[in-house]
Amino acid sequence: MKIMDFDLDMFSLEGKNALVTGGNTGLGQAFSTALAKGGANVMAVGLDDDGGETKEMIEACGSEYKFMQADITKDGKCKAAVDAVVDEWGSIDILVNCAGISINVKDVTKYTRKEWDKMISVNLTAAFELIHESAKYMIEQESGKVINIGSLFSFLGGQWSPAYASTKHGIVGLTKAMCDELAQFNVQVNTIAPGYFKTKITEETRKNEERNKTILSHIPANRWGDKADLMGACVYLASPASDYVNGTVLTVDGGYLVR
């Protein structure tokens, strides 16, 4: 592509079809909405529907929305989700691996194998399976975008949450491994690593004056992220504008990691 061939239409997602795990809650809802605003149809996968809130947001953007209720850690569910997108719209062009959990923060000597296995299953194994199934279609069509969702704990230690930090480091490793294999087929695999964002999960932390002050002191932007702060990064990595961006980690953290 030559310089003068570039235009802002390269950020368009018109005609694209996306699968977003955890796409109807929290940060996943922002990713789903961003893709819809770009023009993509969106299928969200989650344990529970949200009563139609995400559907209303997506359809207000002029895109189609479907919800699949499924536990992606169960056998066959990842394949079923990917196949459902293709059956509904004819292709899967974008995969966002957003579903994740962080449970039972405790001393490593008290952290159990059962807790470890659950975290690995949701945060890492399911992501691998979804890429595995999506790649079958993306290789054949010679195009595709995979966006994995990491964390600041893709870079930092995981005091009191060894499994969470391990899975988020693992997501970055998975991104690089899949990039190395899929780039030759014009499939780009990247990670977005969000910092501290205002969500229901972080509500109690934000209400804790001392903890909130400590976190803000580490963020040069001096504020928690809003979910909308992630939307531009998602559209960019899902669009043709990022066709030569592969195997990278895009941090959206207000500068947390530099301080």
Protein backbone atom coordinates (compact mmCIF):
# COMPACT_ATOMS: atom_id res chain seq x y z
CA MET A 1 0.00 0.00 0.00
CA LYS A 2 1.27 3.44 -0.94
CA ILE A 3 0.96 6.52 1.28
CA MET A 4 -1.74 8.10 -0.85
CA ASP A 5 -3.78 4.89 -0.79
CA PHE A 6 -4.42 5.34 2.92
CA ASP A 7 -7.71 6.92 3.98
CA LEU A 8 -9.96 6.88 7.01
CA ASP A 9 -12.19 4.24 5.44
CA MET A 10 -9.48 1.79 6.54
CA PHE A 11 -10.92 2.10 10.05
CA SER A 12 -14.34 0.94 8.84
CA LEU A 13 -15.69 -2.45 9.92
CA GLU A 14 -18.63 -2.46 7.51
CA GLY A 15 -19.56 -5.97 6.47
CA LYS A 16 -17.49 -7.60 9.21
CA ASN A 17 -18.80 -10.13 11.72
CA ALA A 18 -17.47 -10.38 15.25
CA LEU A 19 -17.56 -12.74 18.20
CA VAL A 20 -16.93 -11.18 21.61
CA THR A 21 -16.76 -13.40 24.67
CA GLY A 22 -18.04 -11.67 27.77
CA GLY A 23 -19.35 -9.14 25.26
CA ASN A 24 -22.48 -8.08 27.09
CA THR A 25 -20.97 -7.01 30.42
CA GLY A 26 -18.20 -4.79 31.75
CA LEU A 27 -15.36 -4.00 29.37
CA GLY A 28 -16.71 -6.55 26.91
CA GLN A 29 -19.81 -4.44 26.39
CA ALA A 30 -17.57 -1.51 25.39
CA PHE A 31 -15.70 -3.71 22.91
CA SER A 32 -18.97 -4.97 21.40
CA THR A 33 -20.32 -1.44 21.06
CA ALA A 34 -17.08 -0.17 19.52
CA LEU A 35 -17.21 -2.86 16.85
CA ALA A 36 -20.86 -2.08 16.14
CA LYS A 37 -20.10 1.62 15.83
CA GLY A 38 -17.48 0.66 13.29
CA GLY A 39 -20.11 -1.21 11.30
CA ALA A 40 -19.65 -4.84 12.40
CA ASN A 41 -22.34 -7.30 13.40
CA VAL A 42 -21.69 -8.68 16.89
CA MET A 43 -22.40 -11.95 18.65
CA ALA A 44 -21.72 -11.84 22.38
CA VAL A 45 -21.18 -14.98 24.43
CA GLY A 46 -21.77 -15.00 28.16
CA LEU A 47 -23.16 -16.92 31.09
CA ASP A 48 -26.19 -14.64 31.50
CA ASP A 49 -28.06 -12.21 29.29
CA ASP A 50 -28.22 -8.59 30.41
CA GLY A 51 -31.92 -8.10 29.81
CA GLY A 52 -31.43 -6.53 26.40
CA GLU A 53 -29.19 -3.58 27.30
CA THR A 54 -26.37 -4.55 24.96
CA LYS A 55 -28.77 -5.50 22.19
CA GLU A 56 -30.31 -2.03 22.37
CA MET A 57 -26.88 -0.38 22.25
CA ILE A 58 -25.68 -2.43 19.28
CA GLU A 59 -28.85 -2.02 17.25
CA ALA A 60 -28.78 1.73 17.87
CA CYS A 61 -25.51 1.68 15.92
CA GLY A 62 -27.26 0.07 12.96
CA SER A 63 -25.62 -3.33 13.41
CA GLU A 64 -27.08 -6.75 14.12
CA TYR A 65 -26.65 -8.33 17.55
CA LYS A 66 -27.02 -11.89 18.76
CA PHE A 67 -26.43 -13.32 22.21
CA MET A 68 -25.34 -16.88 22.92
CA GLN A 69 -25.67 -18.11 26.47
CA ALA A 70 -22.83 -20.55 27.07
CA ASP A 71 -20.05 -21.59 29.42
CA ILE A 72 -17.01 -21.50 27.17
CA THR A 73 -15.10 -23.85 29.47
CA LYS A 74 -17.43 -26.72 28.56
CA ASP A 75 -16.57 -29.16 25.79
CA GLY A 76 -17.73 -28.04 22.37
CA LYS A 77 -18.98 -24.60 23.42
CA CYS A 78 -16.15 -22.63 21.82
CA LYS A 79 -16.67 -24.40 18.51
CA ALA A 80 -20.41 -23.87 18.78
CA ALA A 81 -19.94 -20.13 19.34
CA VAL A 82 -17.63 -19.70 16.34
CA ASP A 83 -19.85 -21.82 14.11
CA ALA A 84 -22.89 -19.81 15.21
CA VAL A 85 -21.33 -16.58 13.91
CA VAL A 86 -20.56 -18.18 10.56
CA ASP A 87 -24.01 -19.78 10.32
CA GLU A 88 -25.68 -16.45 11.13
CA TRP A 89 -23.68 -14.09 8.92
CA GLY A 90 -21.46 -16.18 6.64
CA SER A 91 -18.04 -15.44 8.13
CA ILE A 92 -16.14 -14.70 11.30
CA ASP A 93 -13.83 -11.75 10.76
CA ILE A 94 -13.11 -10.58 14.32
CA LEU A 95 -12.65 -12.50 17.56
CA VAL A 96 -12.34 -10.66 20.87
CA ASN A 97 -11.33 -12.91 23.76
CA CYS A 98 -12.62 -10.79 26.64
CA ALA A 99 -14.22 -13.32 28.99
CA GLY A 100 -12.20 -13.66 32.16
CA ILE A 101 -12.44 -14.06 35.91
CA SER A 102 -10.40 -13.09 38.94
CA ILE A 103 -11.33 -15.01 42.06
CA ASN A 104 -10.27 -15.65 45.62
CA VAL A 105 -7.42 -13.25 46.26
CA LYS A 106 -5.36 -14.94 48.95
CA ASP A 107 -1.88 -15.93 50.06
CA VAL A 108 -0.19 -18.39 47.69
CA THR A 109 0.08 -20.99 50.45
CA LYS A 110 -3.71 -21.03 50.68
CA TYR A 111 -4.41 -20.88 46.94
CA THR A 112 -5.83 -24.23 45.82
CA ARG A 113 -5.36 -26.32 42.68
CA LYS A 114 -9.11 -26.15 42.11
CA GLU A 115 -9.01 -22.34 42.07
CA TRP A 116 -5.97 -22.38 39.80
CA ASP A 117 -7.61 -24.77 37.32
CA LYS A 118 -10.79 -22.68 37.09
CA MET A 119 -8.86 -19.53 36.31
CA ILE A 120 -6.70 -21.22 33.69
CA SER A 121 -9.77 -22.79 32.08
CA VAL A 122 -11.67 -19.52 31.65
CA ASN A 123 -8.87 -17.03 31.06
CA LEU A 124 -6.46 -19.01 28.92
CA THR A 125 -7.69 -22.39 27.70
CA ALA A 126 -10.97 -21.02 26.33
CA ALA A 127 -9.08 -18.27 24.52
CA PHE A 128 -6.87 -20.88 22.85
CA GLU A 129 -9.88 -22.95 21.82
CA LEU A 130 -11.68 -19.95 20.36
CA ILE A 131 -8.63 -18.96 18.30
CA HIS A 132 -8.20 -22.59 17.25
CA GLU A 133 -11.77 -22.75 15.93
CA SER A 134 -11.81 -19.25 14.42
CA ALA A 135 -8.51 -19.81 12.62
CA LYS A 136 -10.04 -22.62 10.56
CA TYR A 137 -12.31 -20.07 8.91
CA MET A 138 -9.87 -17.16 8.89
CA ILE A 139 -7.13 -19.17 7.17
CA GLU A 140 -9.56 -20.24 4.46
CA GLN A 141 -10.78 -16.68 3.85
CA GLU A 142 -7.21 -15.32 4.19
CA SER A 143 -8.19 -12.60 6.62
CA GLY A 144 -9.07 -12.16 10.25
CA LYS A 145 -8.48 -10.22 13.42
CA VAL A 146 -7.97 -11.74 16.85
CA ILE A 147 -7.90 -9.39 19.85
CA ASN A 148 -7.00 -10.95 23.17
CA ILE A 149 -7.59 -9.03 26.38
CA GLY A 150 -4.67 -8.93 28.75
CA SER A 151 -4.10 -6.75 31.80
CA LEU A 152 -1.47 -4.77 33.63
CA PHE A 153 -0.80 -8.16 35.19
CA SER A 154 0.46 -9.28 31.79
CA PHE A 155 3.56 -7.34 32.90
CA LEU A 156 3.43 -7.24 36.70
CA GLY A 157 3.63 -9.82 39.45
CA GLY A 158 0.47 -11.31 40.89
CA GLN A 159 0.66 -10.95 44.65
CA TRP A 160 -2.33 -12.81 46.16
CA SER A 161 -3.57 -13.84 42.73
CA PRO A 162 -0.97 -16.12 41.11
CA ALA A 163 -3.42 -17.70 38.67
CA TYR A 164 -4.72 -14.38 37.34
CA ALA A 165 -1.25 -12.99 36.69
CA SER A 166 -0.18 -16.28 35.12
CA THR A 167 -3.14 -16.33 32.74
CA LYS A 168 -2.58 -12.72 31.69
CA HIS A 169 1.11 -13.37 31.06
CA GLY A 170 -0.05 -16.47 29.19
CA ILE A 171 -2.41 -14.44 26.99
CA VAL A 172 0.55 -12.41 25.76
CA GLY A 173 2.49 -15.60 25.05
CA LEU A 174 -0.52 -17.05 23.24
CA THR A 175 -0.80 -13.86 21.18
CA LYS A 176 2.82 -14.12 20.06
CA ALA A 177 2.57 -17.83 19.30
CA MET A 178 -0.59 -17.44 17.25
CA CYS A 179 0.81 -14.40 15.43
CA ASP A 180 3.87 -16.42 14.45
CA GLU A 181 1.67 -19.07 12.89
CA LEU A 182 -1.26 -17.09 11.47
CA ALA A 183 0.37 -13.92 10.10
CA GLN A 184 1.23 -15.71 6.85
CA PHE A 185 -2.52 -16.10 6.24
CA ASN A 186 -3.24 -12.38 6.74
CA VAL A 187 -4.62 -13.00 10.22
CA GLN A 188 -3.50 -10.47 12.82
CA VAL A 189 -3.37 -11.46 16.49
CA ASN A 190 -2.85 -8.77 19.12
CA THR A 191 -3.57 -8.01 22.77
CA ILE A 192 -5.16 -5.02 24.48
CA ALA A 193 -3.99 -4.61 28.08
CA PRO A 194 -6.37 -2.37 30.03
CA GLY A 195 -5.26 -0.58 33.18
CA TYR A 196 -7.56 0.40 36.05
CA PHE A 197 -11.08 1.02 34.76
CA LYS A 198 -14.36 2.06 36.31
CA THR A 199 -16.47 -1.10 36.31
CA LYS A 200 -18.70 -2.90 38.77
CA ILE A 201 -15.77 -5.16 39.68
CA THR A 202 -13.62 -2.20 40.78
CA GLU A 203 -16.40 -0.31 42.55
CA GLU A 204 -15.40 -1.37 46.07
CA THR A 205 -11.75 -0.51 45.41
CA ARG A 206 -12.70 2.94 44.19
CA LYS A 207 -14.81 3.51 47.29
CA ASN A 208 -11.84 2.64 49.51
CA GLU A 209 -10.26 6.07 49.94
CA GLU A 210 -6.77 4.82 50.78
CA ARG A 211 -6.67 2.19 48.04
CA ASN A 212 -8.12 4.58 45.48
CA LYS A 213 -5.52 7.21 46.36
CA THR A 214 -2.70 4.68 46.00
CA ILE A 215 -3.85 3.61 42.55
CA LEU A 216 -4.36 7.17 41.30
CA SER A 217 -0.88 8.12 42.51
CA HIS A 218 0.46 5.53 40.06
CA ILE A 219 -1.48 6.80 37.03
CA PRO A 220 0.02 9.83 35.26
CA ALA A 221 -3.40 10.65 33.76
CA ASN A 222 -4.64 10.94 37.38
CA ARG A 223 -7.94 9.19 36.75
CA TRP A 224 -9.48 5.77 36.37
CA GLY A 225 -10.24 4.75 32.81
CA ASP A 226 -13.73 4.98 31.40
CA LYS A 227 -14.88 2.04 29.31
CA ALA A 228 -15.11 4.34 26.29
CA ASP A 229 -11.32 4.83 26.53
CA LEU A 230 -10.88 1.29 25.20
CA MET A 231 -13.13 1.59 22.18
CA GLY A 232 -10.70 3.29 19.80
CA ALA A 233 -8.02 0.67 20.43
CA CYS A 234 -10.51 -2.10 19.67
CA VAL A 235 -11.69 -0.55 16.40
CA TYR A 236 -8.09 0.05 15.31
CA LEU A 237 -6.96 -3.53 15.93
CA ALA A 238 -10.11 -4.91 14.30
CA SER A 239 -9.79 -2.78 11.17
CA PRO A 240 -7.65 -2.86 7.99
CA ALA A 241 -5.73 0.11 9.42
CA SER A 242 -3.79 -2.39 11.57
CA ASP A 243 -3.06 -5.01 8.92
CA TYR A 244 0.70 -4.83 9.58
CA VAL A 245 0.34 -4.76 13.37
CA ASN A 246 0.79 -8.27 14.66
CA GLY A 247 1.80 -9.98 17.90
CA THR A 248 1.85 -6.77 19.91
CA VAL A 249 0.38 -5.61 23.22
CA LEU A 250 -1.40 -2.26 23.24
CA THR A 251 -1.66 -0.92 26.78
CA VAL A 252 -4.54 1.41 27.58
CA ASP A 253 -3.65 2.40 31.13
CA GLY A 254 -3.33 6.18 31.44
CA GLY A 255 0.42 5.69 31.71
CA TYR A 256 0.37 3.36 34.74
CA LEU A 257 3.28 1.24 33.56
CA VAL A 258 5.66 4.16 33.09
CA ARG A 259 5.52 5.33 36.71
